[in-house]
Amino acid sequence: TVTAAVGMIDTLYEWIWWDRFWLPVNLTWADLEDRDGRVYAKASDLYVTLPYAIAFLLHPQTITLPPPCLSVGMRF
């Protein structure tokens, strides 16, 4: 019932984030924590791509033709 569903979700979560699935053999998730002056990319770094994706979907001409192209007369 509820405990079985929670157990299945926990198992699925562990399988999705299993380090052997995503990382090389000699690396674990603990190795990718920030320490000793090393800073690794985080999933939250991808949030910056969302505004660019929305802008591209709303105005593809302005994204695909940068200002230097427009200044030399390139048009759609």
PDB file of N, CA and C in Angstrom:
ATOM      1  N   THR A   1       0.842  -1.185   0.000  1.00  0.00           N
ATOM      2  CA  THR A   1       0.000   0.000   0.000  1.00  0.00           C
ATOM      3  C   THR A   1       0.882   1.240   0.000  1.00  0.00           C
ATOM      4  N   VAL A   2       0.704   2.127   0.963  1.00  0.00           N
ATOM      5  CA  VAL A   2       1.471   3.373   0.999  1.00  0.00           C
ATOM      6  C   VAL A   2       2.944   3.087   1.257  1.00  0.00           C
ATOM      7  N   THR A   3       3.242   2.201   2.199  1.00  0.00           N
ATOM      8  CA  THR A   3       4.645   1.896   2.494  1.00  0.00           C
ATOM      9  C   THR A   3       5.304   1.177   1.329  1.00  0.00           C
ATOM     10  N   ALA A   4       4.554   0.358   0.619  1.00  0.00           N
ATOM     11  CA  ALA A   4       5.109  -0.313  -0.559  1.00  0.00           C
ATOM     12  C   ALA A   4       5.409   0.693  -1.660  1.00  0.00           C
ATOM     13  N   ALA A   5       4.522   1.665  -1.840  1.00  0.00           N
ATOM     14  CA  ALA A   5       4.736   2.705  -2.854  1.00  0.00           C
ATOM     15  C   ALA A   5       5.947   3.557  -2.495  1.00  0.00           C
ATOM     16  N   VAL A   6       6.089   3.902  -1.232  1.00  0.00           N
ATOM     17  CA  VAL A   6       7.244   4.685  -0.784  1.00  0.00           C
ATOM     18  C   VAL A   6       8.525   3.889  -0.995  1.00  0.00           C
ATOM     19  N   GLY A   7       8.473   2.606  -0.696  1.00  0.00           N
ATOM     20  CA  GLY A   7       9.641   1.756  -0.910  1.00  0.00           C
ATOM     21  C   GLY A   7      10.023   1.675  -2.379  1.00  0.00           C
ATOM     22  N   MET A   8       9.019   1.591  -3.255  1.00  0.00           N
ATOM     23  CA  MET A   8       9.298   1.548  -4.697  1.00  0.00           C
ATOM     24  C   MET A   8       9.897   2.868  -5.173  1.00  0.00           C
ATOM     25  N   ILE A   9       9.374   3.978  -4.680  1.00  0.00           N
ATOM     26  CA  ILE A   9       9.902   5.291  -5.060  1.00  0.00           C
ATOM     27  C   ILE A   9      11.334   5.448  -4.570  1.00  0.00           C
ATOM     28  N   ASP A  10      11.609   5.011  -3.342  1.00  0.00           N
ATOM     29  CA  ASP A  10      12.980   5.071  -2.816  1.00  0.00           C
ATOM     30  C   ASP A  10      13.928   4.227  -3.652  1.00  0.00           C
ATOM     31  N   THR A  11      13.495   3.041  -4.040  1.00  0.00           N
ATOM     32  CA  THR A  11      14.325   2.170  -4.864  1.00  0.00           C
ATOM     33  C   THR A  11      14.587   2.806  -6.228  1.00  0.00           C
ATOM     34  N   LEU A  12      13.566   3.379  -6.821  1.00  0.00           N
ATOM     35  CA  LEU A  12      13.723   4.046  -8.110  1.00  0.00           C
ATOM     36  C   LEU A  12      14.668   5.237  -7.995  1.00  0.00           C
ATOM     37  N   TYR A  13      14.524   6.018  -6.921  1.00  0.00           N
ATOM     38  CA  TYR A  13      15.394   7.172  -6.685  1.00  0.00           C
ATOM     39  C   TYR A  13      16.851   6.732  -6.544  1.00  0.00           C
ATOM     40  N   GLU A  14      17.074   5.680  -5.777  1.00  0.00           N
ATOM     41  CA  GLU A  14      18.443   5.170  -5.618  1.00  0.00           C
ATOM     42  C   GLU A  14      18.999   4.663  -6.938  1.00  0.00           C
ATOM     43  N   TRP A  15      18.184   4.027  -7.750  1.00  0.00           N
ATOM     44  CA  TRP A  15      18.641   3.507  -9.036  1.00  0.00           C
ATOM     45  C   TRP A  15      18.973   4.639  -9.996  1.00  0.00           C
ATOM     46  N   ILE A  16      18.129   5.676 -10.016  1.00  0.00           N
ATOM     47  CA  ILE A  16      18.377   6.808 -10.926  1.00  0.00           C
ATOM     48  C   ILE A  16      19.679   7.509 -10.567  1.00  0.00           C
ATOM     49  N   TRP A  17      19.957   7.684  -9.280  1.00  0.00           N
ATOM     50  CA  TRP A  17      21.166   8.392  -8.858  1.00  0.00           C
ATOM     51  C   TRP A  17      22.319   7.455  -8.490  1.00  0.00           C
ATOM     52  N   TRP A  18      22.268   6.234  -8.955  1.00  0.00           N
ATOM     53  CA  TRP A  18      23.340   5.274  -8.713  1.00  0.00           C
ATOM     54  C   TRP A  18      24.596   5.768  -9.417  1.00  0.00           C
ATOM     55  N   ASP A  19      25.669   5.920  -8.675  1.00  0.00           N
ATOM     56  CA  ASP A  19      26.884   6.504  -9.246  1.00  0.00           C
ATOM     57  C   ASP A  19      27.492   5.646 -10.348  1.00  0.00           C
ATOM     58  N   ARG A  20      27.330   4.356 -10.316  1.00  0.00           N
ATOM     59  CA  ARG A  20      27.873   3.491 -11.365  1.00  0.00           C
ATOM     60  C   ARG A  20      27.138   3.673 -12.692  1.00  0.00           C
ATOM     61  N   PHE A  21      25.923   4.188 -12.624  1.00  0.00           N
ATOM     62  CA  PHE A  21      25.151   4.433 -13.836  1.00  0.00           C
ATOM     63  C   PHE A  21      25.628   5.697 -14.548  1.00  0.00           C
ATOM     64  N   TRP A  22      26.015   6.728 -13.783  1.00  0.00           N
ATOM     65  CA  TRP A  22      26.351   8.025 -14.348  1.00  0.00           C
ATOM     66  C   TRP A  22      27.848   8.325 -14.381  1.00  0.00           C
ATOM     67  N   LEU A  23      28.631   7.749 -13.493  1.00  0.00           N
ATOM     68  CA  LEU A  23      30.026   8.154 -13.322  1.00  0.00           C
ATOM     69  C   LEU A  23      30.978   7.009 -13.651  1.00  0.00           C
ATOM     70  N   PRO A  24      32.234   7.345 -13.954  1.00  0.00           N
ATOM     71  CA  PRO A  24      33.233   6.295 -14.174  1.00  0.00           C
ATOM     72  C   PRO A  24      33.460   5.468 -12.905  1.00  0.00           C
ATOM     73  N   VAL A  25      34.110   4.349 -13.063  1.00  0.00           N
ATOM     74  CA  VAL A  25      34.276   3.389 -11.969  1.00  0.00           C
ATOM     75  C   VAL A  25      34.985   3.995 -10.763  1.00  0.00           C
ATOM     76  N   ASN A  26      35.985   4.820 -10.961  1.00  0.00           N
ATOM     77  CA  ASN A  26      36.786   5.320  -9.847  1.00  0.00           C
ATOM     78  C   ASN A  26      36.267   6.641  -9.282  1.00  0.00           C
ATOM     79  N   LEU A  27      35.004   7.023  -9.553  1.00  0.00           N
ATOM     80  CA  LEU A  27      34.454   8.295  -9.111  1.00  0.00           C
ATOM     81  C   LEU A  27      33.103   8.071  -8.436  1.00  0.00           C
ATOM     82  N   THR A  28      32.834   8.827  -7.366  1.00  0.00           N
ATOM     83  CA  THR A  28      31.537   8.748  -6.681  1.00  0.00           C
ATOM     84  C   THR A  28      30.954  10.153  -6.596  1.00  0.00           C
ATOM     85  N   TRP A  29      29.690  10.250  -6.167  1.00  0.00           N
ATOM     86  CA  TRP A  29      29.063  11.559  -6.013  1.00  0.00           C
ATOM     87  C   TRP A  29      29.776  12.378  -4.945  1.00  0.00           C
ATOM     88  N   ALA A  30      30.310  11.735  -3.933  1.00  0.00           N
ATOM     89  CA  ALA A  30      31.029  12.450  -2.874  1.00  0.00           C
ATOM     90  C   ALA A  30      32.281  13.131  -3.421  1.00  0.00           C
ATOM     91  N   ASP A  31      32.876  12.582  -4.475  1.00  0.00           N
ATOM     92  CA  ASP A  31      34.057  13.186  -5.077  1.00  0.00           C
ATOM     93  C   ASP A  31      33.727  14.493  -5.792  1.00  0.00           C
ATOM     94  N   LEU A  32      32.467  14.714  -6.120  1.00  0.00           N
ATOM     95  CA  LEU A  32      32.072  15.907  -6.859  1.00  0.00           C
ATOM     96  C   LEU A  32      31.559  17.031  -5.958  1.00  0.00           C
ATOM     97  N   GLU A  33      31.771  16.923  -4.665  1.00  0.00           N
ATOM     98  CA  GLU A  33      31.396  17.999  -3.748  1.00  0.00           C
ATOM     99  C   GLU A  33      32.473  19.066  -3.771  1.00  0.00           C
ATOM    100  N   ASP A  34      32.061  20.339  -3.628  1.00  0.00           N
ATOM    101  CA  ASP A  34      33.008  21.455  -3.617  1.00  0.00           C
ATOM    102  C   ASP A  34      33.883  21.394  -2.369  1.00  0.00           C
ATOM    103  N   ARG A  35      35.189  21.392  -2.580  1.00  0.00           N
ATOM    104  CA  ARG A  35      36.137  21.436  -1.467  1.00  0.00           C
ATOM    105  C   ARG A  35      37.534  21.685  -2.019  1.00  0.00           C
ATOM    106  N   ASP A  36      38.430  22.107  -1.154  1.00  0.00           N
ATOM    107  CA  ASP A  36      39.829  22.371  -1.496  1.00  0.00           C
ATOM    108  C   ASP A  36      39.956  23.347  -2.660  1.00  0.00           C
ATOM    109  N   GLY A  37      39.072  24.330  -2.721  1.00  0.00           N
ATOM    110  CA  GLY A  37      39.144  25.328  -3.785  1.00  0.00           C
ATOM    111  C   GLY A  37      38.582  24.874  -5.118  1.00  0.00           C
ATOM    112  N   ARG A  38      38.133  23.650  -5.205  1.00  0.00           N
ATOM    113  CA  ARG A  38      37.537  23.151  -6.448  1.00  0.00           C
ATOM    114  C   ARG A  38      36.026  23.356  -6.387  1.00  0.00           C
ATOM    115  N   VAL A  39      35.485  23.945  -7.447  1.00  0.00           N
ATOM    116  CA  VAL A  39      34.050  24.178  -7.531  1.00  0.00           C
ATOM    117  C   VAL A  39      33.548  23.457  -8.771  1.00  0.00           C
ATOM    118  N   TYR A  40      32.575  22.589  -8.582  1.00  0.00           N
ATOM    119  CA  TYR A  40      32.022  21.810  -9.683  1.00  0.00           C
ATOM    120  C   TYR A  40      30.684  22.385 -10.113  1.00  0.00           C
ATOM    121  N   ALA A  41      30.301  22.089 -11.327  1.00  0.00           N
ATOM    122  CA  ALA A  41      29.006  22.535 -11.836  1.00  0.00           C
ATOM    123  C   ALA A  41      27.885  21.879 -11.047  1.00  0.00           C
ATOM    124  N   LYS A  42      26.804  22.616 -10.920  1.00  0.00           N
ATOM    125  CA  LYS A  42      25.632  22.114 -10.209  1.00  0.00           C
ATOM    126  C   LYS A  42      24.437  22.131 -11.152  1.00  0.00           C
ATOM    127  N   ALA A  43      23.440  21.349 -10.845  1.00  0.00           N
ATOM    128  CA  ALA A  43      22.241  21.304 -11.679  1.00  0.00           C
ATOM    129  C   ALA A  43      21.574  22.668 -11.752  1.00  0.00           C
ATOM    130  N   SER A  44      21.665  23.446 -10.689  1.00  0.00           N
ATOM    131  CA  SER A  44      21.042  24.773 -10.685  1.00  0.00           C
ATOM    132  C   SER A  44      21.698  25.716 -11.693  1.00  0.00           C
ATOM    133  N   ASP A  45      22.888  25.408 -12.159  1.00  0.00           N
ATOM    134  CA  ASP A  45      23.543  26.228 -13.180  1.00  0.00           C
ATOM    135  C   ASP A  45      22.779  26.199 -14.494  1.00  0.00           C
ATOM    136  N   LEU A  46      21.957  25.190 -14.694  1.00  0.00           N
ATOM    137  CA  LEU A  46      21.195  25.074 -15.939  1.00  0.00           C
ATOM    138  C   LEU A  46      19.980  25.991 -15.974  1.00  0.00           C
ATOM    139  N   TYR A  47      19.622  26.592 -14.845  1.00  0.00           N
ATOM    140  CA  TYR A  47      18.461  27.487 -14.828  1.00  0.00           C
ATOM    141  C   TYR A  47      18.650  28.679 -15.757  1.00  0.00           C
ATOM    142  N   VAL A  48      19.868  29.086 -16.002  1.00  0.00           N
ATOM    143  CA  VAL A  48      20.122  30.240 -16.863  1.00  0.00           C
ATOM    144  C   VAL A  48      19.704  29.963 -18.306  1.00  0.00           C
ATOM    145  N   THR A  49      19.622  28.716 -18.699  1.00  0.00           N
ATOM    146  CA  THR A  49      19.258  28.401 -20.085  1.00  0.00           C
ATOM    147  C   THR A  49      17.774  28.583 -20.361  1.00  0.00           C
ATOM    148  N   LEU A  50      16.935  28.557 -19.346  1.00  0.00           N
ATOM    149  CA  LEU A  50      15.495  28.688 -19.545  1.00  0.00           C
ATOM    150  C   LEU A  50      15.098  30.023 -20.176  1.00  0.00           C
ATOM    151  N   PRO A  51      15.570  31.171 -19.688  1.00  0.00           N
ATOM    152  CA  PRO A  51      15.208  32.428 -20.359  1.00  0.00           C
ATOM    153  C   PRO A  51      15.681  32.482 -21.813  1.00  0.00           C
ATOM    154  N   TYR A  52      16.843  31.936 -22.091  1.00  0.00           N
ATOM    155  CA  TYR A  52      17.324  31.918 -23.477  1.00  0.00           C
ATOM    156  C   TYR A  52      16.439  31.048 -24.355  1.00  0.00           C
ATOM    157  N   ALA A  53      16.010  29.922 -23.839  1.00  0.00           N
ATOM    158  CA  ALA A  53      15.128  29.037 -24.612  1.00  0.00           C
ATOM    159  C   ALA A  53      13.794  29.715 -24.895  1.00  0.00           C
ATOM    160  N   ILE A  54      13.245  30.385 -23.906  1.00  0.00           N
ATOM    161  CA  ILE A  54      11.975  31.083 -24.105  1.00  0.00           C
ATOM    162  C   ILE A  54      12.143  32.215 -25.108  1.00  0.00           C
ATOM    163  N   ALA A  55      13.227  32.972 -24.992  1.00  0.00           N
ATOM    164  CA  ALA A  55      13.478  34.063 -25.941  1.00  0.00           C
ATOM    165  C   ALA A  55      13.637  33.521 -27.359  1.00  0.00           C
ATOM    166  N   PHE A  56      14.309  32.412 -27.507  1.00  0.00           N
ATOM    167  CA  PHE A  56      14.481  31.821 -28.838  1.00  0.00           C
ATOM    168  C   PHE A  56      13.151  31.365 -29.421  1.00  0.00           C
ATOM    169  N   LEU A  57      12.289  30.789 -28.588  1.00  0.00           N
ATOM    170  CA  LEU A  57      10.988  30.342 -29.068  1.00  0.00           C
ATOM    171  C   LEU A  57      10.076  31.511 -29.443  1.00  0.00           C
ATOM    172  N   LEU A  58      10.177  32.607 -28.697  1.00  0.00           N
ATOM    173  CA  LEU A  58       9.310  33.756 -28.965  1.00  0.00           C
ATOM    174  C   LEU A  58       9.812  34.625 -30.117  1.00  0.00           C
ATOM    175  N   HIS A  59      11.131  34.758 -30.243  1.00  0.00           N
ATOM    176  CA  HIS A  59      11.720  35.636 -31.254  1.00  0.00           C
ATOM    177  C   HIS A  59      12.915  34.966 -31.921  1.00  0.00           C
ATOM    178  N   PRO A  60      12.706  33.971 -32.745  1.00  0.00           N
ATOM    179  CA  PRO A  60      13.847  33.253 -33.328  1.00  0.00           C
ATOM    180  C   PRO A  60      14.702  34.119 -34.256  1.00  0.00           C
ATOM    181  N   GLN A  61      14.128  35.110 -34.927  1.00  0.00           N
ATOM    182  CA  GLN A  61      14.907  35.935 -35.841  1.00  0.00           C
ATOM    183  C   GLN A  61      15.934  36.771 -35.084  1.00  0.00           C
ATOM    184  N   THR A  62      15.556  37.298 -33.929  1.00  0.00           N
ATOM    185  CA  THR A  62      16.485  38.151 -33.201  1.00  0.00           C
ATOM    186  C   THR A  62      17.613  37.348 -32.567  1.00  0.00           C
ATOM    187  N   ILE A  63      17.373  36.086 -32.302  1.00  0.00           N
ATOM    188  CA  ILE A  63      18.416  35.249 -31.715  1.00  0.00           C
ATOM    189  C   ILE A  63      19.352  34.724 -32.805  1.00  0.00           C
ATOM    190  N   THR A  64      18.798  34.319 -33.944  1.00  0.00           N
ATOM    191  CA  THR A  64      19.631  33.688 -34.965  1.00  0.00           C
ATOM    192  C   THR A  64      20.409  34.697 -35.792  1.00  0.00           C
ATOM    193  N   LEU A  65      19.968  35.945 -35.831  1.00  0.00           N
ATOM    194  CA  LEU A  65      20.714  36.976 -36.547  1.00  0.00           C
ATOM    195  C   LEU A  65      21.259  37.985 -35.542  1.00  0.00           C
ATOM    196  N   PRO A  66      22.479  37.812 -35.114  1.00  0.00           N
ATOM    197  CA  PRO A  66      23.047  38.738 -34.130  1.00  0.00           C
ATOM    198  C   PRO A  66      23.261  40.117 -34.755  1.00  0.00           C
ATOM    199  N   PRO A  67      23.449  41.137 -33.929  1.00  0.00           N
ATOM    200  CA  PRO A  67      23.590  42.507 -34.431  1.00  0.00           C
ATOM    201  C   PRO A  67      24.647  42.681 -35.527  1.00  0.00           C
ATOM    202  N   PRO A  68      25.817  42.029 -35.486  1.00  0.00           N
ATOM    203  CA  PRO A  68      26.758  42.227 -36.610  1.00  0.00           C
ATOM    204  C   PRO A  68      26.176  41.794 -37.946  1.00  0.00           C
ATOM    205  N   CYS A  69      25.367  40.740 -37.953  1.00  0.00           N
ATOM    206  CA  CYS A  69      24.759  40.288 -39.210  1.00  0.00           C
ATOM    207  C   CYS A  69      23.732  41.295 -39.688  1.00  0.00           C
ATOM    208  N   LEU A  70      22.978  41.839 -38.765  1.00  0.00           N
ATOM    209  CA  LEU A  70      21.969  42.830 -39.130  1.00  0.00           C
ATOM    210  C   LEU A  70      22.611  44.112 -39.655  1.00  0.00           C
ATOM    211  N   SER A  71      23.781  44.454 -39.111  1.00  0.00           N
ATOM    212  CA  SER A  71      24.436  45.698 -39.535  1.00  0.00           C
ATOM    213  C   SER A  71      24.975  45.621 -40.960  1.00  0.00           C
ATOM    214  N   VAL A  72      25.247  44.433 -41.470  1.00  0.00           N
ATOM    215  CA  VAL A  72      25.725  44.307 -42.861  1.00  0.00           C
ATOM    216  C   VAL A  72      24.595  44.018 -43.816  1.00  0.00           C
ATOM    217  N   GLY A  73      23.355  44.064 -43.329  1.00  0.00           N
ATOM    218  CA  GLY A  73      22.212  43.956 -44.206  1.00  0.00           C
ATOM    219  C   GLY A  73      21.603  42.572 -44.349  1.00  0.00           C
ATOM    220  N   MET A  74      22.001  41.612 -43.554  1.00  0.00           N
ATOM    221  CA  MET A  74      21.413  40.275 -43.642  1.00  0.00           C
ATOM    222  C   MET A  74      19.997  40.315 -43.087  1.00  0.00           C
ATOM    223  N   ARG A  75      19.069  39.750 -43.816  1.00  0.00           N
ATOM    224  CA  ARG A  75      17.660  39.722 -43.405  1.00  0.00           C
ATOM    225  C   ARG A  75      17.081  38.341 -43.659  1.00  0.00           C
ATOM    226  N   PHE A  76      15.959  38.038 -42.993  1.00  0.00           N
ATOM    227  CA  PHE A  76      15.229  36.799 -43.253  1.00  0.00           C
ATOM    228  C   PHE A  76      14.408  36.954 -44.502  1.00  0.00           C
TER     229      PHE A  76
END
